[in-house]
Amino acid sequence: MLLSIADSHLKTLPEVVRALEKAGLKVSGELNTLGVIRGFVEPENMLKLSEVEGVSHVREEKSYRIAPPDSSIQ
């Protein structure tokens, strides 16, 4: 998950992170100056994240993998 923190809450980012963790987020990274938090959450807790005060946007992070160049499937 990628979560954007509202500019108005950047000064209280540690408190927002604690509230996100309480809502079920396992934080894997913080870009404090940008107000972006990265982490993992169980599907049943996804909606709770957007309800945390200070969170302006929640987005599911997608990952893509491609086969190696010498693979028979391309």
PDB file of N, CA and C in Angstrom:
ATOM      1  N   MET A   1       0.834  -1.175   0.000  1.00  0.00           N
ATOM      2  CA  MET A   1       0.000   0.000   0.000  1.00  0.00           C
ATOM      3  C   MET A   1       0.878   1.237   0.000  1.00  0.00           C
ATOM      4  N   LEU A   2       0.416   2.248  -0.687  1.00  0.00           N
ATOM      5  CA  LEU A   2       1.037   3.562  -0.628  1.00  0.00           C
ATOM      6  C   LEU A   2       0.010   4.529  -0.058  1.00  0.00           C
ATOM      7  N   LEU A   3       0.386   5.249   0.954  1.00  0.00           N
ATOM      8  CA  LEU A   3      -0.524   6.185   1.601  1.00  0.00           C
ATOM      9  C   LEU A   3       0.071   7.579   1.551  1.00  0.00           C
ATOM     10  N   SER A   4      -0.726   8.524   1.106  1.00  0.00           N
ATOM     11  CA  SER A   4      -0.312   9.925   1.093  1.00  0.00           C
ATOM     12  C   SER A   4      -0.866  10.598   2.336  1.00  0.00           C
ATOM     13  N   ILE A   5      -0.017  11.380   2.978  1.00  0.00           N
ATOM     14  CA  ILE A   5      -0.404  12.099   4.176  1.00  0.00           C
ATOM     15  C   ILE A   5      -0.671  13.549   3.800  1.00  0.00           C
ATOM     16  N   ALA A   6      -1.764  14.099   4.299  1.00  0.00           N
ATOM     17  CA  ALA A   6      -2.129  15.490   4.015  1.00  0.00           C
ATOM     18  C   ALA A   6      -1.032  16.428   4.499  1.00  0.00           C
ATOM     19  N   ASP A   7      -0.773  17.479   3.723  1.00  0.00           N
ATOM     20  CA  ASP A   7       0.251  18.458   4.097  1.00  0.00           C
ATOM     21  C   ASP A   7       0.019  19.000   5.501  1.00  0.00           C
ATOM     22  N   SER A   8      -1.230  19.158   5.871  1.00  0.00           N
ATOM     23  CA  SER A   8      -1.559  19.714   7.186  1.00  0.00           C
ATOM     24  C   SER A   8      -1.170  18.784   8.335  1.00  0.00           C
ATOM     25  N   HIS A   9      -0.845  17.527   8.028  1.00  0.00           N
ATOM     26  CA  HIS A   9      -0.483  16.564   9.074  1.00  0.00           C
ATOM     27  C   HIS A   9       0.987  16.118   9.012  1.00  0.00           C
ATOM     28  N   LEU A  10       1.776  16.750   8.160  1.00  0.00           N
ATOM     29  CA  LEU A  10       3.181  16.347   8.033  1.00  0.00           C
ATOM     30  C   LEU A  10       3.959  16.578   9.324  1.00  0.00           C
ATOM     31  N   LYS A  11       3.603  17.595  10.076  1.00  0.00           N
ATOM     32  CA  LYS A  11       4.318  17.871  11.331  1.00  0.00           C
ATOM     33  C   LYS A  11       3.993  16.840  12.401  1.00  0.00           C
ATOM     34  N   THR A  12       2.877  16.131  12.237  1.00  0.00           N
ATOM     35  CA  THR A  12       2.483  15.102  13.205  1.00  0.00           C
ATOM     36  C   THR A  12       2.557  13.713  12.573  1.00  0.00           C
ATOM     37  N   LEU A  13       3.455  13.555  11.624  1.00  0.00           N
ATOM     38  CA  LEU A  13       3.582  12.291  10.902  1.00  0.00           C
ATOM     39  C   LEU A  13       3.786  11.079  11.808  1.00  0.00           C
ATOM     40  N   PRO A  14       4.613  11.166  12.855  1.00  0.00           N
ATOM     41  CA  PRO A  14       4.764   9.994  13.730  1.00  0.00           C
ATOM     42  C   PRO A  14       3.442   9.541  14.358  1.00  0.00           C
ATOM     43  N   GLU A  15       2.580  10.493  14.712  1.00  0.00           N
ATOM     44  CA  GLU A  15       1.283  10.140  15.280  1.00  0.00           C
ATOM     45  C   GLU A  15       0.382   9.480  14.236  1.00  0.00           C
ATOM     46  N   VAL A  16       0.450   9.982  12.995  1.00  0.00           N
ATOM     47  CA  VAL A  16      -0.339   9.389  11.906  1.00  0.00           C
ATOM     48  C   VAL A  16       0.134   7.964  11.650  1.00  0.00           C
ATOM     49  N   VAL A  17       1.445   7.756  11.654  1.00  0.00           N
ATOM     50  CA  VAL A  17       1.997   6.415  11.442  1.00  0.00           C
ATOM     51  C   VAL A  17       1.533   5.466  12.546  1.00  0.00           C
ATOM     52  N   ARG A  18       1.560   5.925  13.787  1.00  0.00           N
ATOM     53  CA  ARG A  18       1.086   5.077  14.889  1.00  0.00           C
ATOM     54  C   ARG A  18      -0.388   4.716  14.717  1.00  0.00           C
ATOM     55  N   ALA A  19      -1.188   5.673  14.271  1.00  0.00           N
ATOM     56  CA  ALA A  19      -2.617   5.398  14.042  1.00  0.00           C
ATOM     57  C   ALA A  19      -2.803   4.407  12.892  1.00  0.00           C
ATOM     58  N   LEU A  20      -1.968   4.498  11.869  1.00  0.00           N
ATOM     59  CA  LEU A  20      -2.032   3.549  10.750  1.00  0.00           C
ATOM     60  C   LEU A  20      -1.649   2.146  11.215  1.00  0.00           C
ATOM     61  N   GLU A  21      -0.629   2.071  12.043  1.00  0.00           N
ATOM     62  CA  GLU A  21      -0.228   0.767  12.579  1.00  0.00           C
ATOM     63  C   GLU A  21      -1.336   0.165  13.435  1.00  0.00           C
ATOM     64  N   LYS A  22      -1.997   1.014  14.202  1.00  0.00           N
ATOM     65  CA  LYS A  22      -3.109   0.549  15.029  1.00  0.00           C
ATOM     66  C   LYS A  22      -4.269   0.053  14.157  1.00  0.00           C
ATOM     67  N   ALA A  23      -4.407   0.632  12.963  1.00  0.00           N
ATOM     68  CA  ALA A  23      -5.454   0.228  12.025  1.00  0.00           C
ATOM     69  C   ALA A  23      -5.067  -1.021  11.234  1.00  0.00           C
ATOM     70  N   GLY A  24      -3.833  -1.524  11.450  1.00  0.00           N
ATOM     71  CA  GLY A  24      -3.431  -2.770  10.826  1.00  0.00           C
ATOM     72  C   GLY A  24      -2.313  -2.685   9.807  1.00  0.00           C
ATOM     73  N   LEU A  25      -1.781  -1.492   9.559  1.00  0.00           N
ATOM     74  CA  LEU A  25      -0.707  -1.347   8.572  1.00  0.00           C
ATOM     75  C   LEU A  25       0.620  -1.804   9.162  1.00  0.00           C
ATOM     76  N   LYS A  26       1.344  -2.616   8.405  1.00  0.00           N
ATOM     77  CA  LYS A  26       2.719  -2.982   8.755  1.00  0.00           C
ATOM     78  C   LYS A  26       3.616  -2.100   7.888  1.00  0.00           C
ATOM     79  N   VAL A  27       4.164  -1.063   8.494  1.00  0.00           N
ATOM     80  CA  VAL A  27       4.938  -0.056   7.762  1.00  0.00           C
ATOM     81  C   VAL A  27       6.250  -0.656   7.284  1.00  0.00           C
ATOM     82  N   SER A  28       6.528  -0.476   5.983  1.00  0.00           N
ATOM     83  CA  SER A  28       7.789  -0.958   5.424  1.00  0.00           C
ATOM     84  C   SER A  28       8.687   0.185   4.977  1.00  0.00           C
ATOM     85  N   GLY A  29       8.150   1.398   4.958  1.00  0.00           N
ATOM     86  CA  GLY A  29       8.974   2.535   4.570  1.00  0.00           C
ATOM     87  C   GLY A  29       8.241   3.850   4.749  1.00  0.00           C
ATOM     88  N   GLU A  30       9.017   4.901   4.972  1.00  0.00           N
ATOM     89  CA  GLU A  30       8.464   6.241   5.142  1.00  0.00           C
ATOM     90  C   GLU A  30       9.290   7.228   4.339  1.00  0.00           C
ATOM     91  N   LEU A  31       8.619   8.022   3.537  1.00  0.00           N
ATOM     92  CA  LEU A  31       9.255   9.132   2.841  1.00  0.00           C
ATOM     93  C   LEU A  31       8.713  10.397   3.501  1.00  0.00           C
ATOM     94  N   ASN A  32       9.312  10.743   4.614  1.00  0.00           N
ATOM     95  CA  ASN A  32       8.788  11.804   5.477  1.00  0.00           C
ATOM     96  C   ASN A  32       8.634  13.142   4.768  1.00  0.00           C
ATOM     97  N   THR A  33       9.634  13.548   4.000  1.00  0.00           N
ATOM     98  CA  THR A  33       9.553  14.866   3.361  1.00  0.00           C
ATOM     99  C   THR A  33       8.457  14.919   2.303  1.00  0.00           C
ATOM    100  N   LEU A  34       8.107  13.773   1.737  1.00  0.00           N
ATOM    101  CA  LEU A  34       7.042  13.720   0.731  1.00  0.00           C
ATOM    102  C   LEU A  34       5.686  13.387   1.326  1.00  0.00           C
ATOM    103  N   GLY A  35       5.682  12.912   2.566  1.00  0.00           N
ATOM    104  CA  GLY A  35       4.429  12.534   3.197  1.00  0.00           C
ATOM    105  C   GLY A  35       3.848  11.256   2.627  1.00  0.00           C
ATOM    106  N   VAL A  36       4.720  10.293   2.340  1.00  0.00           N
ATOM    107  CA  VAL A  36       4.285   9.016   1.779  1.00  0.00           C
ATOM    108  C   VAL A  36       4.712   7.886   2.710  1.00  0.00           C
ATOM    109  N   ILE A  37       3.781   6.990   2.994  1.00  0.00           N
ATOM    110  CA  ILE A  37       4.039   5.822   3.824  1.00  0.00           C
ATOM    111  C   ILE A  37       3.786   4.593   2.962  1.00  0.00           C
ATOM    112  N   ARG A  38       4.658   3.620   3.091  1.00  0.00           N
ATOM    113  CA  ARG A  38       4.524   2.375   2.338  1.00  0.00           C
ATOM    114  C   ARG A  38       4.389   1.240   3.334  1.00  0.00           C
ATOM    115  N   GLY A  39       3.507   0.283   3.029  1.00  0.00           N
ATOM    116  CA  GLY A  39       3.340  -0.825   3.947  1.00  0.00           C
ATOM    117  C   GLY A  39       2.406  -1.891   3.421  1.00  0.00           C
ATOM    118  N   PHE A  40       2.117  -2.851   4.299  1.00  0.00           N
ATOM    119  CA  PHE A  40       1.270  -3.990   3.976  1.00  0.00           C
ATOM    120  C   PHE A  40       0.106  -4.027   4.953  1.00  0.00           C
ATOM    121  N   VAL A  41      -1.046  -4.481   4.466  1.00  0.00           N
ATOM    122  CA  VAL A  41      -2.226  -4.573   5.316  1.00  0.00           C
ATOM    123  C   VAL A  41      -3.075  -5.746   4.840  1.00  0.00           C
ATOM    124  N   GLU A  42      -3.737  -6.390   5.787  1.00  0.00           N
ATOM    125  CA  GLU A  42      -4.663  -7.457   5.434  1.00  0.00           C
ATOM    126  C   GLU A  42      -5.862  -6.835   4.714  1.00  0.00           C
ATOM    127  N   PRO A  43      -6.419  -7.537   3.730  1.00  0.00           N
ATOM    128  CA  PRO A  43      -7.530  -6.974   2.939  1.00  0.00           C
ATOM    129  C   PRO A  43      -8.691  -6.455   3.789  1.00  0.00           C
ATOM    130  N   GLU A  44      -8.990  -7.126   4.887  1.00  0.00           N
ATOM    131  CA  GLU A  44     -10.124  -6.689   5.703  1.00  0.00           C
ATOM    132  C   GLU A  44      -9.856  -5.370   6.436  1.00  0.00           C
ATOM    133  N   ASN A  45      -8.612  -4.919   6.466  1.00  0.00           N
ATOM    134  CA  ASN A  45      -8.274  -3.670   7.150  1.00  0.00           C
ATOM    135  C   ASN A  45      -8.010  -2.508   6.196  1.00  0.00           C
ATOM    136  N   MET A  46      -8.123  -2.749   4.899  1.00  0.00           N
ATOM    137  CA  MET A  46      -7.791  -1.699   3.924  1.00  0.00           C
ATOM    138  C   MET A  46      -8.649  -0.449   4.103  1.00  0.00           C
ATOM    139  N   LEU A  47      -9.929  -0.620   4.316  1.00  0.00           N
ATOM    140  CA  LEU A  47     -10.832   0.516   4.445  1.00  0.00           C
ATOM    141  C   LEU A  47     -10.502   1.358   5.672  1.00  0.00           C
ATOM    142  N   LYS A  48     -10.031   0.734   6.731  1.00  0.00           N
ATOM    143  CA  LYS A  48      -9.691   1.460   7.962  1.00  0.00           C
ATOM    144  C   LYS A  48      -8.588   2.493   7.730  1.00  0.00           C
ATOM    145  N   LEU A  49      -7.681   2.204   6.802  1.00  0.00           N
ATOM    146  CA  LEU A  49      -6.551   3.104   6.572  1.00  0.00           C
ATOM    147  C   LEU A  49      -7.007   4.466   6.078  1.00  0.00           C
ATOM    148  N   SER A  50      -7.987   4.478   5.182  1.00  0.00           N
ATOM    149  CA  SER A  50      -8.456   5.750   4.643  1.00  0.00           C
ATOM    150  C   SER A  50      -9.223   6.565   5.676  1.00  0.00           C
ATOM    151  N   GLU A  51      -9.636   5.927   6.769  1.00  0.00           N
ATOM    152  CA  GLU A  51     -10.370   6.618   7.824  1.00  0.00           C
ATOM    153  C   GLU A  51      -9.456   7.255   8.875  1.00  0.00           C
ATOM    154  N   VAL A  52      -8.157   6.979   8.791  1.00  0.00           N
ATOM    155  CA  VAL A  52      -7.209   7.548   9.756  1.00  0.00           C
ATOM    156  C   VAL A  52      -7.047   9.042   9.476  1.00  0.00           C
ATOM    157  N   GLU A  53      -7.153   9.844  10.518  1.00  0.00           N
ATOM    158  CA  GLU A  53      -7.007  11.288  10.366  1.00  0.00           C
ATOM    159  C   GLU A  53      -5.613  11.628   9.850  1.00  0.00           C
ATOM    160  N   GLY A  54      -5.581  12.430   8.798  1.00  0.00           N
ATOM    161  CA  GLY A  54      -4.311  12.831   8.199  1.00  0.00           C
ATOM    162  C   GLY A  54      -4.000  12.106   6.915  1.00  0.00           C
ATOM    163  N   VAL A  55      -4.689  11.011   6.636  1.00  0.00           N
ATOM    164  CA  VAL A  55      -4.458  10.264   5.392  1.00  0.00           C
ATOM    165  C   VAL A  55      -5.301  10.897   4.295  1.00  0.00           C
ATOM    166  N   SER A  56      -4.645  11.302   3.218  1.00  0.00           N
ATOM    167  CA  SER A  56      -5.381  11.934   2.125  1.00  0.00           C
ATOM    168  C   SER A  56      -5.659  10.975   0.974  1.00  0.00           C
ATOM    169  N   HIS A  57      -4.841   9.919   0.851  1.00  0.00           N
ATOM    170  CA  HIS A  57      -5.033   9.001  -0.272  1.00  0.00           C
ATOM    171  C   HIS A  57      -4.423   7.642   0.061  1.00  0.00           C
ATOM    172  N   VAL A  58      -5.134   6.580  -0.301  1.00  0.00           N
ATOM    173  CA  VAL A  58      -4.643   5.211  -0.123  1.00  0.00           C
ATOM    174  C   VAL A  58      -4.671   4.541  -1.481  1.00  0.00           C
ATOM    175  N   ARG A  59      -3.553   3.930  -1.841  1.00  0.00           N
ATOM    176  CA  ARG A  59      -3.475   3.272  -3.147  1.00  0.00           C
ATOM    177  C   ARG A  59      -2.793   1.918  -2.983  1.00  0.00           C
ATOM    178  N   GLU A  60      -3.374   0.921  -3.605  1.00  0.00           N
ATOM    179  CA  GLU A  60      -2.763  -0.404  -3.589  1.00  0.00           C
ATOM    180  C   GLU A  60      -1.590  -0.401  -4.559  1.00  0.00           C
ATOM    181  N   GLU A  61      -0.460  -0.834  -4.072  1.00  0.00           N
ATOM    182  CA  GLU A  61       0.741  -0.856  -4.895  1.00  0.00           C
ATOM    183  C   GLU A  61       0.739  -2.121  -5.744  1.00  0.00           C
ATOM    184  N   LYS A  62       1.002  -1.961  -7.015  1.00  0.00           N
ATOM    185  CA  LYS A  62       1.056  -3.095  -7.936  1.00  0.00           C
ATOM    186  C   LYS A  62       2.517  -3.451  -8.202  1.00  0.00           C
ATOM    187  N   SER A  63       2.758  -4.718  -8.395  1.00  0.00           N
ATOM    188  CA  SER A  63       4.114  -5.130  -8.772  1.00  0.00           C
ATOM    189  C   SER A  63       4.014  -6.018 -10.000  1.00  0.00           C
ATOM    190  N   TYR A  64       5.013  -5.932 -10.836  1.00  0.00           N
ATOM    191  CA  TYR A  64       5.053  -6.696 -12.071  1.00  0.00           C
ATOM    192  C   TYR A  64       6.378  -7.423 -12.158  1.00  0.00           C
ATOM    193  N   ARG A  65       6.318  -8.597 -12.721  1.00  0.00           N
ATOM    194  CA  ARG A  65       7.533  -9.381 -12.902  1.00  0.00           C
ATOM    195  C   ARG A  65       7.544  -9.891 -14.332  1.00  0.00           C
ATOM    196  N   ILE A  66       8.711  -9.882 -14.927  1.00  0.00           N
ATOM    197  CA  ILE A  66       8.847 -10.424 -16.271  1.00  0.00           C
ATOM    198  C   ILE A  66       9.843 -11.575 -16.236  1.00  0.00           C
ATOM    199  N   ALA A  67       9.696 -12.443 -17.197  1.00  0.00           N
ATOM    200  CA  ALA A  67      10.593 -13.593 -17.278  1.00  0.00           C
ATOM    201  C   ALA A  67      11.980 -13.134 -17.696  1.00  0.00           C
ATOM    202  N   PRO A  68      13.031 -13.863 -17.266  1.00  0.00           N
ATOM    203  CA  PRO A  68      14.394 -13.522 -17.689  1.00  0.00           C
ATOM    204  C   PRO A  68      14.523 -13.649 -19.210  1.00  0.00           C
ATOM    205  N   PRO A  69      15.475 -12.939 -19.814  1.00  0.00           N
ATOM    206  CA  PRO A  69      15.638 -12.959 -21.269  1.00  0.00           C
ATOM    207  C   PRO A  69      15.846 -14.347 -21.862  1.00  0.00           C
ATOM    208  N   ASP A  70      16.451 -15.246 -21.109  1.00  0.00           N
ATOM    209  CA  ASP A  70      16.707 -16.586 -21.658  1.00  0.00           C
ATOM    210  C   ASP A  70      15.569 -17.562 -21.361  1.00  0.00           C
ATOM    211  N   SER A  71      14.463 -17.090 -20.826  1.00  0.00           N
ATOM    212  CA  SER A  71      13.325 -17.938 -20.523  1.00  0.00           C
ATOM    213  C   SER A  71      12.587 -18.321 -21.804  1.00  0.00           C
ATOM    214  N   SER A  72      11.967 -19.508 -21.802  1.00  0.00           N
ATOM    215  CA  SER A  72      11.230 -19.948 -22.993  1.00  0.00           C
ATOM    216  C   SER A  72       9.913 -19.188 -23.137  1.00  0.00           C
ATOM    217  N   ILE A  73       9.426 -18.569 -22.054  1.00  0.00           N
ATOM    218  CA  ILE A  73       8.193 -17.782 -22.108  1.00  0.00           C
ATOM    219  C   ILE A  73       8.558 -16.311 -22.118  1.00  0.00           C
ATOM    220  N   GLN A  74       8.111 -15.601 -23.129  1.00  0.00           N
ATOM    221  CA  GLN A  74       8.390 -14.170 -23.237  1.00  0.00           C
ATOM    222  C   GLN A  74       7.148 -13.377 -23.410  1.00  0.00           C
TER     223      GLN A  74
END
